[in-house]
Amino acid sequence: MRRGPNLANVFITILLALLSLVALFPFYQTLMMSFSTLNDVGANRIFLYPANFDLAAYKFLFAEGKVTRGLLVSGIVTVAGTAVSLMVTSAGAYALSKKSLPGRGLMFGGILFTLFFNGGLIPYFLTLQKLHLQNSLLVMILPLAVNTFYLILMKNFFQTISPALEESAKIDGANDITILARIVIPVSMPIMATMFLFYAVDRWNEWWLPTIFINDTKLYPLQLVLRNALTNLSASVGNASAEALVRGTQNAYEGSVRGALIMIAVAPILAVYPFVQKYFAQGIMIGSIKG
């Protein structure tokens, strides 16, 4: 006998769908605002779609080249920083997952200590200054190479891998580096994809370190460029250059430009997320509950 749909499941599905719409609507409205004209934004003529489709806000932002340069810098930092972070974190997590490692408890305790205490901003600044990382893209990569929380998640995941895999590889003459690269990482795609997403988002959203250590505007990442643009938005729109006006940015409006800034900042991450989402929940659950 075929049963009908469970009323509780139907209610929960409808409720979650409504909550999703409530959560997504501000984002959708921001997207529509970024494609709207000055008159439509000023008159609140934005509903489910722009009354008059317009790219003036995006033309205004890209006119001077700062956003394009910021995208390039953020792209380099995200790709290089994520690669370095995954490599260092996976190596450290693999070593700490081995109970046979001499001094393992002491080292792990020292790592946990950094979750609760740090040296303070001034010693941090002086250290990076002595390392000659000012006005360098490396200041957004090397100091943040390892996140302690992510390291713990990855270590816990590695501890769930069957020791038989590594023992069989050692019998064939493989060393620890070969085992990590050819066995452990390939079977750890859930946690690797999760860490990839976490580190990529962190590197993409980085603005605090460049604010302190980078004075060269050509090295500003996208988030710092957008932050400065938001801070000076009214003046920037009011003082648009003649060249920018020729390109059709005379209709750039503060609300439209703000919406375009948000879309530019989040679009790359939204494009990457669907490719790693299927691994996300599995990697987090296994990495957090195993110890």
Protein backbone atom coordinates (compact mmCIF):
# COMPACT_ATOMS: atom_id res chain seq x y z
CA MET A 1 0.00 0.00 0.00
CA ARG A 2 1.40 3.30 -1.09
CA ARG A 3 1.45 5.99 1.56
CA GLY A 4 0.91 9.67 0.93
CA PRO A 5 3.46 12.35 1.76
CA ASN A 6 4.23 12.88 5.42
CA LEU A 7 2.53 16.12 6.51
CA ALA A 8 5.36 17.00 8.87
CA ASN A 9 7.95 16.67 6.06
CA VAL A 10 5.78 18.76 3.74
CA PHE A 11 5.44 21.48 6.37
CA ILE A 12 9.18 21.49 7.10
CA THR A 13 9.99 21.65 3.37
CA ILE A 14 7.64 24.58 2.82
CA LEU A 15 8.96 26.38 5.89
CA LEU A 16 12.59 25.94 4.84
CA ALA A 17 11.76 27.10 1.30
CA LEU A 18 10.14 30.25 2.67
CA LEU A 19 13.09 30.92 4.97
CA SER A 20 15.46 30.45 2.03
CA LEU A 21 13.51 33.00 0.00
CA VAL A 22 13.62 35.46 2.90
CA ALA A 23 17.39 34.98 3.19
CA LEU A 24 18.06 35.23 -0.55
CA PHE A 25 15.75 38.14 -1.36
CA PRO A 26 18.09 40.92 -0.09
CA PHE A 27 20.89 39.44 -2.18
CA TYR A 28 18.62 39.26 -5.23
CA GLN A 29 17.42 42.83 -4.67
CA THR A 30 21.03 44.01 -4.46
CA LEU A 31 21.76 42.28 -7.76
CA MET A 32 18.78 43.95 -9.44
CA MET A 33 19.77 47.32 -7.99
CA SER A 34 23.25 47.00 -9.48
CA PHE A 35 21.68 46.68 -12.94
CA SER A 36 19.24 49.58 -12.51
CA THR A 37 19.39 53.19 -13.67
CA LEU A 38 19.64 56.35 -11.60
CA ASN A 39 15.96 57.24 -12.03
CA ASP A 40 14.70 53.75 -11.22
CA VAL A 41 16.76 53.49 -8.02
CA GLY A 42 15.78 56.98 -6.92
CA ALA A 43 12.08 56.29 -7.56
CA ASN A 44 12.20 52.77 -6.02
CA ARG A 45 11.06 51.22 -9.29
CA ILE A 46 12.89 47.95 -8.60
CA PHE A 47 10.80 44.86 -8.04
CA LEU A 48 11.55 41.40 -9.45
CA TYR A 49 13.69 42.80 -12.28
CA PRO A 50 15.12 46.20 -13.31
CA ALA A 51 12.62 48.47 -15.04
CA ASN A 52 15.48 49.60 -17.32
CA PHE A 53 18.55 47.39 -17.55
CA ASP A 54 21.72 49.47 -17.16
CA LEU A 55 25.44 48.72 -16.66
CA ALA A 56 26.43 52.25 -15.64
CA ALA A 57 27.42 51.24 -12.11
CA TYR A 58 29.79 48.52 -13.37
CA LYS A 59 31.24 50.84 -16.04
CA PHE A 60 31.88 53.45 -13.38
CA LEU A 61 33.72 50.98 -11.13
CA PHE A 62 35.87 49.53 -13.90
CA ALA A 63 36.57 52.88 -15.61
CA GLU A 64 39.74 53.80 -13.69
CA GLY A 65 41.18 50.25 -13.59
CA LYS A 66 41.43 50.00 -9.79
CA VAL A 67 38.80 47.26 -9.54
CA THR A 68 40.39 45.29 -12.39
CA ARG A 69 43.80 45.53 -10.73
CA GLY A 70 42.26 44.59 -7.38
CA LEU A 71 40.65 41.53 -8.97
CA LEU A 72 44.02 40.46 -10.35
CA VAL A 73 45.79 40.93 -7.00
CA SER A 74 43.08 39.08 -5.09
CA GLY A 75 43.12 36.30 -7.66
CA ILE A 76 46.88 35.84 -7.31
CA VAL A 77 46.71 35.94 -3.51
CA THR A 78 43.76 33.52 -3.41
CA VAL A 79 45.31 30.95 -5.74
CA ALA A 80 48.83 31.12 -4.29
CA GLY A 81 47.69 31.50 -0.68
CA THR A 82 45.23 28.62 -0.86
CA ALA A 83 47.83 26.33 -2.45
CA VAL A 84 50.44 27.19 0.22
CA SER A 85 47.92 26.83 3.04
CA LEU A 86 46.66 23.45 1.84
CA MET A 87 50.19 22.15 1.43
CA VAL A 88 51.44 23.30 4.84
CA THR A 89 48.24 22.42 6.70
CA SER A 90 47.97 18.93 5.22
CA ALA A 91 51.64 18.22 6.02
CA GLY A 92 51.28 19.44 9.60
CA ALA A 93 47.97 17.64 10.13
CA TYR A 94 49.39 14.39 8.78
CA ALA A 95 52.37 14.55 11.14
CA LEU A 96 50.18 15.36 14.15
CA SER A 97 47.80 12.51 13.32
CA LYS A 98 50.60 10.01 14.05
CA LYS A 99 50.79 8.94 17.69
CA SER A 100 54.34 7.76 17.09
CA LEU A 101 55.54 11.33 16.46
CA PRO A 102 58.05 12.31 19.20
CA GLY A 103 56.76 15.23 21.27
CA ARG A 104 53.38 15.10 19.56
CA GLY A 105 51.43 16.09 22.70
CA LEU A 106 53.70 19.04 23.45
CA MET A 107 53.57 20.33 19.87
CA PHE A 108 49.81 19.96 19.69
CA GLY A 109 49.44 21.76 23.00
CA GLY A 110 51.53 24.63 21.68
CA ILE A 111 49.35 24.83 18.59
CA LEU A 112 46.18 24.87 20.69
CA PHE A 113 47.68 27.66 22.80
CA THR A 114 47.60 29.96 19.77
CA LEU A 115 43.82 29.62 19.62
CA PHE A 116 43.49 31.52 22.88
CA PHE A 117 46.54 33.77 23.11
CA ASN A 118 48.69 35.82 20.74
CA GLY A 119 51.59 38.22 21.02
CA GLY A 120 49.58 41.35 20.28
CA LEU A 121 49.45 43.69 17.32
CA ILE A 122 52.69 45.61 17.92
CA PRO A 123 54.98 42.53 18.15
CA TYR A 124 53.14 41.10 15.16
CA PHE A 125 53.75 44.25 13.15
CA LEU A 126 57.42 44.43 14.13
CA THR A 127 57.97 40.77 13.26
CA LEU A 128 56.53 41.10 9.76
CA GLN A 129 58.42 44.35 9.29
CA LYS A 130 61.71 42.63 10.18
CA LEU A 131 60.85 39.91 7.65
CA HIS A 132 60.56 42.63 4.95
CA LEU A 133 56.97 41.73 4.10
CA GLN A 134 55.75 45.30 3.84
CA ASN A 135 54.44 46.28 0.41
CA SER A 136 54.59 42.66 -0.70
CA LEU A 137 51.84 40.24 -1.70
CA LEU A 138 53.54 37.68 0.54
CA VAL A 139 52.18 39.51 3.58
CA MET A 140 48.73 38.19 2.60
CA ILE A 141 50.03 34.63 2.11
CA LEU A 142 52.79 33.60 4.53
CA PRO A 143 51.54 34.93 7.92
CA LEU A 144 48.17 33.25 7.32
CA ALA A 145 49.49 30.01 5.87
CA VAL A 146 48.05 27.86 8.67
CA ASN A 147 44.76 28.28 10.48
CA THR A 148 44.83 26.36 13.77
CA PHE A 149 41.17 25.36 13.65
CA TYR A 150 41.46 24.07 10.09
CA LEU A 151 44.61 22.16 11.08
CA ILE A 152 42.72 20.39 13.86
CA LEU A 153 39.84 19.48 11.54
CA MET A 154 42.24 18.00 9.00
CA LYS A 155 44.21 16.13 11.66
CA ASN A 156 41.02 14.54 12.97
CA PHE A 157 40.03 13.50 9.47
CA PHE A 158 43.42 11.91 8.77
CA GLN A 159 43.04 9.84 11.94
CA THR A 160 39.97 8.15 10.41
CA ILE A 161 42.00 6.71 7.50
CA SER A 162 42.74 3.01 7.85
CA PRO A 163 46.37 2.38 8.90
CA ALA A 164 46.37 -0.65 6.58
CA LEU A 165 46.64 1.65 3.56
CA GLU A 166 49.83 3.23 4.84
CA GLU A 167 51.31 -0.05 6.04
CA SER A 168 50.88 -1.63 2.61
CA ALA A 169 52.55 1.41 1.00
CA LYS A 170 55.49 1.22 3.44
CA ILE A 171 55.95 -2.45 2.54
CA ASP A 172 56.33 -1.33 -1.08
CA GLY A 173 59.03 1.13 -0.02
CA ALA A 174 57.03 4.39 0.07
CA ASN A 175 58.16 7.11 2.46
CA ASP A 176 55.90 9.46 4.44
CA ILE A 177 55.86 12.17 1.76
CA THR A 178 54.87 9.66 -0.93
CA ILE A 179 52.17 8.20 1.31
CA LEU A 180 50.75 11.66 2.02
CA ALA A 181 50.77 12.76 -1.63
CA ARG A 182 49.62 9.53 -3.30
CA ILE A 183 47.43 7.84 -0.70
CA VAL A 184 46.27 10.08 2.13
CA ILE A 185 45.32 13.19 0.13
CA PRO A 186 43.51 11.32 -2.70
CA VAL A 187 41.28 9.51 -0.16
CA SER A 188 40.72 12.75 1.79
CA MET A 189 38.88 14.74 -0.87
CA PRO A 190 35.99 15.71 1.45
CA ILE A 191 38.25 17.48 3.95
CA MET A 192 40.58 18.81 1.24
CA ALA A 193 37.66 20.37 -0.64
CA THR A 194 36.31 21.83 2.59
CA MET A 195 39.67 23.33 3.52
CA PHE A 196 40.08 24.62 -0.03
CA LEU A 197 36.81 26.51 0.28
CA PHE A 198 37.63 27.86 3.74
CA TYR A 199 41.12 29.04 2.80
CA ALA A 200 39.97 30.45 -0.55
CA VAL A 201 37.25 32.52 1.13
CA ASP A 202 39.72 33.74 3.76
CA ARG A 203 42.29 34.80 1.16
CA TRP A 204 39.65 36.36 -1.11
CA ASN A 205 38.18 38.44 1.72
CA GLU A 206 41.55 39.55 3.12
CA TRP A 207 41.75 43.30 3.70
CA TRP A 208 43.07 43.81 7.25
CA LEU A 209 46.72 42.87 6.63
CA PRO A 210 47.04 44.95 3.44
CA THR A 211 45.47 47.88 5.28
CA ILE A 212 48.34 47.78 7.79
CA PHE A 213 51.30 46.60 5.68
CA ILE A 214 50.65 47.77 2.10
CA ASN A 215 51.02 51.41 1.10
CA ASP A 216 51.33 50.88 -2.65
CA THR A 217 47.81 51.24 -4.10
CA LYS A 218 48.80 49.02 -7.04
CA LEU A 219 49.07 46.11 -4.59
CA TYR A 220 45.66 46.65 -3.00
CA PRO A 221 43.47 43.52 -3.11
CA LEU A 222 39.89 43.76 -4.31
CA GLN A 223 38.37 43.92 -0.83
CA LEU A 224 40.52 46.91 0.13
CA VAL A 225 39.72 48.63 -3.17
CA LEU A 226 36.00 48.08 -2.58
CA ARG A 227 36.26 49.16 1.04
CA ASN A 228 37.90 52.43 0.02
CA ALA A 229 35.33 52.86 -2.74
CA LEU A 230 32.46 52.43 -0.28
CA THR A 231 34.08 54.89 2.14
CA ASN A 232 34.44 57.53 -0.54
CA LEU A 233 31.48 56.54 -2.67
CA SER A 234 29.55 59.80 -2.64
CA ALA A 235 32.61 61.85 -3.53
CA SER A 236 33.67 59.35 -6.19
CA VAL A 237 30.29 59.43 -7.90
CA GLY A 238 30.10 63.20 -7.70
CA ASN A 239 33.61 63.71 -9.04
CA ALA A 240 33.61 61.16 -11.85
CA SER A 241 36.27 61.99 -14.40
CA ALA A 242 35.45 63.25 -17.88
CA GLU A 243 36.72 60.02 -19.38
CA ALA A 244 34.41 58.02 -17.15
CA LEU A 245 31.47 60.20 -18.14
CA VAL A 246 32.17 59.61 -21.82
CA ARG A 247 31.93 55.88 -21.14
CA GLY A 248 28.38 56.32 -19.91
CA THR A 249 28.88 56.46 -16.16
CA GLN A 250 27.06 59.75 -15.71
CA ASN A 251 24.06 57.76 -14.50
CA ALA A 252 26.05 55.99 -11.79
CA TYR A 253 24.05 56.19 -8.58
CA GLU A 254 25.25 55.50 -5.07
CA GLY A 255 22.78 52.64 -4.49
CA SER A 256 23.57 51.04 -7.84
CA VAL A 257 27.31 51.33 -7.31
CA ARG A 258 27.04 49.83 -3.84
CA GLY A 259 25.08 46.91 -5.26
CA ALA A 260 27.67 46.43 -8.00
CA LEU A 261 30.47 46.46 -5.41
CA ILE A 262 28.79 43.67 -3.46
CA MET A 263 28.22 41.57 -6.59
CA ILE A 264 31.84 41.92 -7.71
CA ALA A 265 33.04 40.83 -4.28
CA VAL A 266 30.88 37.73 -3.90
CA ALA A 267 30.54 36.47 -7.49
CA PRO A 268 33.85 34.53 -7.68
CA ILE A 269 33.20 32.63 -4.44
CA LEU A 270 29.64 31.85 -5.50
CA ALA A 271 31.01 30.47 -8.76
CA VAL A 272 33.42 28.11 -6.95
CA TYR A 273 31.15 26.92 -4.15
CA PRO A 274 28.90 24.56 -6.21
CA PHE A 275 31.94 22.50 -7.22
CA VAL A 276 32.97 21.74 -3.63
CA GLN A 277 29.57 21.80 -1.92
CA LYS A 278 29.05 18.03 -2.21
CA TYR A 279 32.18 17.45 -0.10
CA PHE A 280 31.49 20.24 2.37
CA ALA A 281 29.13 18.64 4.91
CA GLN A 282 30.95 15.30 4.90
CA GLY A 283 34.35 16.90 5.47
CA ILE A 284 33.13 19.09 8.32
CA MET A 285 31.25 16.32 10.12
CA ILE A 286 34.06 13.76 9.96
CA GLY A 287 36.78 16.29 10.77
CA SER A 288 34.91 17.68 13.78
CA ILE A 289 33.65 14.56 15.55
CA LYS A 290 36.71 12.31 15.24
CA GLY A 291 39.58 12.92 17.61
